[in-house]
Amino acid sequence: MLSRFARGGGTLYDLEFLADDHGRRVAAFGFHAGFAGAAAGLLAFAARKEGSNETVGPLEPYPNEAGMVKDVKDKVSASGKNIGEVKALVMGALGRCGRGAVDLFRKVGLTE
């Protein structure tokens, strides 16, 4: 995914370090950003079939957390991947965003 971005001439900014003229951070991400980002990552993972370049496509909002967790679990299972064997590394797992990612991974059934 990132190689397509680079080939297209895109620029990647780390918004965690976006600062104003006085050096103060102007963007921060919390629990729900990590939760949703982890879900998006698993959906992208599930969309990739062995040896293909399939992508996840547009993401749509869910009516609630339970619906999102169920859909992510279902899509990973439908991809032929065993959710219990999927591994994820959360950098900053104890921070606000990282805690959200860890919570999503636990709820969909990743083992620790």
N, C-alpha and C. Protein backbone atom coordinates (compact mmCIF):
# COMPACT_ATOMS: atom_id res chain seq x y z
N MET A 1 0.82 -1.18 0.00
CA MET A 1 0.00 0.00 0.00
C MET A 1 0.88 1.26 0.00
N LEU A 2 1.89 1.27 0.84
CA LEU A 2 2.76 2.46 0.90
C LEU A 2 3.59 2.62 -0.36
N SER A 3 3.93 1.52 -1.03
CA SER A 3 4.72 1.65 -2.26
C SER A 3 3.89 2.34 -3.35
N ARG A 4 2.59 2.05 -3.41
CA ARG A 4 1.71 2.74 -4.38
C ARG A 4 1.67 4.24 -4.05
N PHE A 5 1.62 4.54 -2.79
CA PHE A 5 1.59 5.93 -2.33
C PHE A 5 2.85 6.66 -2.78
N ALA A 6 3.99 6.01 -2.59
CA ALA A 6 5.28 6.62 -2.98
C ALA A 6 5.39 6.76 -4.50
N ARG A 7 4.97 5.71 -5.25
CA ARG A 7 5.02 5.80 -6.71
C ARG A 7 4.14 6.93 -7.24
N GLY A 8 3.07 7.22 -6.52
CA GLY A 8 2.16 8.29 -6.93
C GLY A 8 2.65 9.67 -6.53
N GLY A 9 3.83 9.74 -5.90
CA GLY A 9 4.39 11.04 -5.52
C GLY A 9 3.82 11.61 -4.24
N GLY A 10 3.19 10.77 -3.42
CA GLY A 10 2.59 11.23 -2.17
C GLY A 10 3.64 11.57 -1.13
N THR A 11 3.23 12.34 -0.16
CA THR A 11 4.09 12.69 0.97
C THR A 11 3.39 12.22 2.23
N LEU A 12 4.13 11.59 3.12
CA LEU A 12 3.58 11.07 4.36
C LEU A 12 3.99 11.98 5.51
N TYR A 13 3.02 12.46 6.24
CA TYR A 13 3.27 13.32 7.40
C TYR A 13 2.85 12.58 8.66
N ASP A 14 3.65 12.67 9.69
CA ASP A 14 3.30 12.09 10.98
C ASP A 14 2.58 13.18 11.77
N LEU A 15 1.26 13.11 11.78
CA LEU A 15 0.47 14.17 12.40
C LEU A 15 0.68 14.27 13.91
N GLU A 16 1.23 13.24 14.53
CA GLU A 16 1.53 13.32 15.96
C GLU A 16 2.54 14.42 16.25
N PHE A 17 3.33 14.77 15.25
CA PHE A 17 4.37 15.78 15.45
C PHE A 17 4.05 17.10 14.76
N LEU A 18 2.80 17.27 14.30
CA LEU A 18 2.38 18.53 13.71
C LEU A 18 2.34 19.59 14.81
N ALA A 19 3.07 20.68 14.60
CA ALA A 19 3.18 21.72 15.64
C ALA A 19 2.91 23.09 15.05
N ASP A 20 2.52 24.00 15.92
CA ASP A 20 2.30 25.39 15.49
C ASP A 20 3.63 26.14 15.50
N ASP A 21 3.57 27.45 15.25
CA ASP A 21 4.79 28.26 15.17
C ASP A 21 5.55 28.33 16.50
N HIS A 22 4.88 27.97 17.60
CA HIS A 22 5.53 28.01 18.93
C HIS A 22 6.00 26.64 19.39
N GLY A 23 5.89 25.65 18.50
CA GLY A 23 6.36 24.31 18.81
C GLY A 23 5.37 23.46 19.58
N ARG A 24 4.15 23.96 19.78
CA ARG A 24 3.14 23.18 20.50
C ARG A 24 2.44 22.22 19.54
N ARG A 25 2.22 20.99 20.02
CA ARG A 25 1.50 20.00 19.19
C ARG A 25 0.07 20.48 18.96
N VAL A 26 -0.40 20.30 17.74
CA VAL A 26 -1.76 20.73 17.41
C VAL A 26 -2.67 19.56 17.05
N ALA A 27 -2.15 18.36 17.06
CA ALA A 27 -2.96 17.18 16.76
C ALA A 27 -2.57 16.07 17.72
N ALA A 28 -3.55 15.36 18.20
CA ALA A 28 -3.30 14.21 19.07
C ALA A 28 -4.38 13.17 18.78
N PHE A 29 -4.03 11.93 18.93
CA PHE A 29 -4.97 10.85 18.66
C PHE A 29 -5.25 10.11 19.94
N GLY A 30 -6.46 9.68 20.11
CA GLY A 30 -6.86 8.99 21.33
C GLY A 30 -7.23 7.54 21.10
N PHE A 31 -7.86 6.99 22.11
CA PHE A 31 -8.25 5.59 22.16
C PHE A 31 -9.00 5.16 20.90
N HIS A 32 -10.00 5.93 20.50
CA HIS A 32 -10.84 5.52 19.38
C HIS A 32 -10.10 5.56 18.04
N ALA A 33 -9.11 6.43 17.91
CA ALA A 33 -8.30 6.44 16.70
C ALA A 33 -7.52 5.13 16.60
N GLY A 34 -6.98 4.66 17.70
CA GLY A 34 -6.26 3.39 17.70
C GLY A 34 -7.18 2.21 17.44
N PHE A 35 -8.36 2.25 18.03
CA PHE A 35 -9.36 1.19 17.86
C PHE A 35 -9.76 1.09 16.39
N ALA A 36 -10.12 2.23 15.79
CA ALA A 36 -10.54 2.24 14.39
C ALA A 36 -9.38 1.94 13.45
N GLY A 37 -8.19 2.44 13.76
CA GLY A 37 -7.03 2.18 12.91
C GLY A 37 -6.65 0.71 12.91
N ALA A 38 -6.75 0.06 14.07
CA ALA A 38 -6.46 -1.37 14.14
C ALA A 38 -7.48 -2.17 13.33
N ALA A 39 -8.74 -1.75 13.40
CA ALA A 39 -9.78 -2.42 12.61
C ALA A 39 -9.50 -2.25 11.11
N ALA A 40 -9.15 -1.04 10.70
CA ALA A 40 -8.84 -0.79 9.29
C ALA A 40 -7.64 -1.64 8.85
N GLY A 41 -6.65 -1.76 9.71
CA GLY A 41 -5.49 -2.59 9.38
C GLY A 41 -5.85 -4.05 9.20
N LEU A 42 -6.71 -4.58 10.08
CA LEU A 42 -7.14 -5.98 9.93
C LEU A 42 -8.00 -6.17 8.69
N LEU A 43 -8.83 -5.19 8.36
CA LEU A 43 -9.64 -5.29 7.15
C LEU A 43 -8.74 -5.31 5.91
N ALA A 44 -7.69 -4.49 5.91
CA ALA A 44 -6.74 -4.49 4.80
C ALA A 44 -6.00 -5.82 4.73
N PHE A 45 -5.62 -6.35 5.88
CA PHE A 45 -4.96 -7.64 5.96
C PHE A 45 -5.87 -8.74 5.38
N ALA A 46 -7.14 -8.72 5.76
CA ALA A 46 -8.08 -9.73 5.29
C ALA A 46 -8.32 -9.62 3.79
N ALA A 47 -8.27 -8.41 3.25
CA ALA A 47 -8.53 -8.20 1.82
C ALA A 47 -7.42 -8.76 0.94
N ARG A 48 -6.22 -8.85 1.48
CA ARG A 48 -5.08 -9.35 0.69
C ARG A 48 -5.14 -10.86 0.60
N LYS A 49 -5.35 -11.35 -0.58
CA LYS A 49 -5.33 -12.79 -0.82
C LYS A 49 -3.89 -13.17 -1.19
N GLU A 50 -3.56 -14.40 -0.92
CA GLU A 50 -2.21 -14.89 -1.21
C GLU A 50 -1.83 -14.60 -2.65
N GLY A 51 -0.74 -13.86 -2.86
CA GLY A 51 -0.23 -13.58 -4.19
C GLY A 51 -1.01 -12.54 -4.98
N SER A 52 -1.92 -11.81 -4.36
CA SER A 52 -2.71 -10.83 -5.10
C SER A 52 -2.38 -9.42 -4.62
N ASN A 53 -2.92 -8.45 -5.31
CA ASN A 53 -2.76 -7.04 -4.92
C ASN A 53 -4.10 -6.43 -4.52
N GLU A 54 -5.05 -7.25 -4.06
CA GLU A 54 -6.36 -6.74 -3.67
C GLU A 54 -6.21 -5.76 -2.51
N THR A 55 -7.09 -4.77 -2.49
CA THR A 55 -7.07 -3.78 -1.41
C THR A 55 -8.41 -3.79 -0.70
N VAL A 56 -8.46 -3.14 0.42
CA VAL A 56 -9.66 -3.15 1.25
C VAL A 56 -10.80 -2.33 0.63
N GLY A 57 -10.50 -1.34 -0.17
CA GLY A 57 -11.55 -0.49 -0.73
C GLY A 57 -12.03 0.53 0.28
N PRO A 58 -13.05 1.28 -0.07
CA PRO A 58 -13.56 2.34 0.83
C PRO A 58 -14.09 1.74 2.13
N LEU A 59 -13.85 2.42 3.22
CA LEU A 59 -14.38 2.00 4.52
C LEU A 59 -15.67 2.75 4.79
N GLU A 60 -16.63 2.05 5.36
CA GLU A 60 -17.92 2.64 5.70
C GLU A 60 -18.08 2.63 7.22
N PRO A 61 -18.81 3.60 7.75
CA PRO A 61 -19.03 3.61 9.21
C PRO A 61 -19.89 2.43 9.65
N TYR A 62 -19.72 2.04 10.89
CA TYR A 62 -20.50 0.97 11.50
C TYR A 62 -21.51 1.60 12.46
N PRO A 63 -22.63 0.91 12.70
CA PRO A 63 -23.64 1.47 13.61
C PRO A 63 -23.17 1.50 15.06
N ASN A 64 -22.25 0.58 15.40
CA ASN A 64 -21.76 0.51 16.78
C ASN A 64 -20.50 -0.34 16.83
N GLU A 65 -19.89 -0.37 18.00
CA GLU A 65 -18.64 -1.12 18.18
C GLU A 65 -18.83 -2.61 17.93
N ALA A 66 -19.91 -3.17 18.45
CA ALA A 66 -20.14 -4.62 18.29
C ALA A 66 -20.24 -4.99 16.81
N GLY A 67 -20.89 -4.15 16.03
CA GLY A 67 -21.00 -4.41 14.59
C GLY A 67 -19.65 -4.38 13.90
N MET A 68 -18.80 -3.44 14.30
CA MET A 68 -17.48 -3.35 13.69
C MET A 68 -16.63 -4.56 14.07
N VAL A 69 -16.64 -4.92 15.35
CA VAL A 69 -15.85 -6.07 15.81
C VAL A 69 -16.30 -7.33 15.08
N LYS A 70 -17.60 -7.55 14.97
CA LYS A 70 -18.12 -8.74 14.28
C LYS A 70 -17.71 -8.74 12.81
N ASP A 71 -17.84 -7.60 12.14
CA ASP A 71 -17.49 -7.53 10.72
C ASP A 71 -16.01 -7.81 10.50
N VAL A 72 -15.16 -7.25 11.35
CA VAL A 72 -13.71 -7.49 11.22
C VAL A 72 -13.42 -8.97 11.42
N LYS A 73 -13.98 -9.57 12.46
CA LYS A 73 -13.77 -11.01 12.70
C LYS A 73 -14.25 -11.83 11.51
N ASP A 74 -15.44 -11.51 11.01
CA ASP A 74 -16.01 -12.26 9.89
C ASP A 74 -15.14 -12.15 8.64
N LYS A 75 -14.65 -10.94 8.36
CA LYS A 75 -13.86 -10.74 7.14
C LYS A 75 -12.48 -11.41 7.24
N VAL A 76 -11.89 -11.40 8.43
CA VAL A 76 -10.61 -12.10 8.59
C VAL A 76 -10.85 -13.60 8.42
N SER A 77 -11.91 -14.12 9.04
CA SER A 77 -12.22 -15.56 8.91
C SER A 77 -12.52 -15.93 7.46
N ALA A 78 -13.30 -15.10 6.77
CA ALA A 78 -13.66 -15.38 5.37
C ALA A 78 -12.45 -15.35 4.44
N SER A 79 -11.39 -14.66 4.86
CA SER A 79 -10.18 -14.59 4.04
C SER A 79 -9.37 -15.88 4.11
N GLY A 80 -9.77 -16.79 5.00
CA GLY A 80 -9.04 -18.04 5.15
C GLY A 80 -7.94 -17.97 6.18
N LYS A 81 -7.82 -16.82 6.83
CA LYS A 81 -6.79 -16.66 7.85
C LYS A 81 -7.40 -16.95 9.23
N ASN A 82 -6.69 -17.65 10.06
CA ASN A 82 -7.15 -17.97 11.41
C ASN A 82 -6.84 -16.79 12.32
N ILE A 83 -7.86 -16.14 12.87
CA ILE A 83 -7.66 -14.95 13.69
C ILE A 83 -6.74 -15.24 14.88
N GLY A 84 -6.75 -16.47 15.38
CA GLY A 84 -5.89 -16.84 16.49
C GLY A 84 -4.42 -16.91 16.13
N GLU A 85 -4.13 -16.96 14.82
CA GLU A 85 -2.74 -17.03 14.37
C GLU A 85 -2.22 -15.69 13.85
N VAL A 86 -3.10 -14.71 13.76
CA VAL A 86 -2.69 -13.38 13.28
C VAL A 86 -1.88 -12.70 14.38
N LYS A 87 -0.79 -12.08 14.00
CA LYS A 87 0.06 -11.39 14.98
C LYS A 87 0.11 -9.90 14.65
N ALA A 88 0.13 -9.08 15.68
CA ALA A 88 0.22 -7.64 15.51
C ALA A 88 1.18 -7.08 16.56
N LEU A 89 1.90 -6.06 16.18
CA LEU A 89 2.79 -5.36 17.10
C LEU A 89 2.27 -3.94 17.22
N VAL A 90 1.97 -3.53 18.44
CA VAL A 90 1.46 -2.17 18.67
C VAL A 90 2.57 -1.34 19.29
N MET A 91 3.09 -0.42 18.53
CA MET A 91 4.12 0.49 19.05
C MET A 91 3.41 1.50 19.94
N GLY A 92 3.86 1.65 21.16
CA GLY A 92 3.21 2.58 22.09
C GLY A 92 1.90 2.01 22.62
N ALA A 93 1.89 0.73 22.93
CA ALA A 93 0.66 0.05 23.35
C ALA A 93 0.08 0.60 24.65
N LEU A 94 0.85 1.34 25.41
CA LEU A 94 0.34 1.88 26.67
C LEU A 94 -0.15 3.32 26.54
N GLY A 95 0.00 3.89 25.35
CA GLY A 95 -0.49 5.25 25.12
C GLY A 95 -1.97 5.24 24.79
N ARG A 96 -2.54 6.43 24.60
CA ARG A 96 -3.98 6.54 24.32
C ARG A 96 -4.35 5.77 23.06
N CYS A 97 -3.69 6.03 21.98
CA CYS A 97 -3.99 5.39 20.70
C CYS A 97 -3.66 3.90 20.76
N GLY A 98 -2.54 3.57 21.32
CA GLY A 98 -2.12 2.18 21.42
C GLY A 98 -3.07 1.33 22.23
N ARG A 99 -3.62 1.90 23.30
CA ARG A 99 -4.58 1.14 24.11
C ARG A 99 -5.83 0.80 23.30
N GLY A 100 -6.24 1.71 22.44
CA GLY A 100 -7.39 1.44 21.58
C GLY A 100 -7.10 0.31 20.61
N ALA A 101 -5.92 0.31 20.02
CA ALA A 101 -5.54 -0.77 19.10
C ALA A 101 -5.51 -2.11 19.82
N VAL A 102 -4.91 -2.14 20.99
CA VAL A 102 -4.84 -3.38 21.77
C VAL A 102 -6.25 -3.87 22.11
N ASP A 103 -7.14 -2.96 22.49
CA ASP A 103 -8.50 -3.34 22.83
C ASP A 103 -9.21 -3.99 21.63
N LEU A 104 -9.07 -3.40 20.45
CA LEU A 104 -9.69 -3.98 19.25
C LEU A 104 -9.12 -5.37 18.99
N PHE A 105 -7.80 -5.50 19.03
CA PHE A 105 -7.18 -6.79 18.76
C PHE A 105 -7.67 -7.86 19.74
N ARG A 106 -7.83 -7.49 21.00
CA ARG A 106 -8.36 -8.45 21.99
C ARG A 106 -9.79 -8.84 21.65
N LYS A 107 -10.61 -7.86 21.31
CA LYS A 107 -12.03 -8.12 21.04
C LYS A 107 -12.26 -8.97 19.80
N VAL A 108 -11.39 -8.88 18.82
CA VAL A 108 -11.56 -9.73 17.63
C VAL A 108 -10.93 -11.11 17.81
N GLY A 109 -10.16 -11.30 18.86
CA GLY A 109 -9.66 -12.62 19.17
C GLY A 109 -8.19 -12.88 18.94
N LEU A 110 -7.38 -11.83 18.71
CA LEU A 110 -5.94 -12.06 18.61
C LEU A 110 -5.44 -12.51 19.98
N THR A 111 -4.56 -13.50 19.98
CA THR A 111 -4.01 -13.96 21.26
C THR A 111 -2.80 -13.12 21.62
N GLU A 112 -2.60 -12.96 22.91
CA GLU A 112 -1.47 -12.14 23.37
C GLU A 112 -0.25 -12.99 23.59
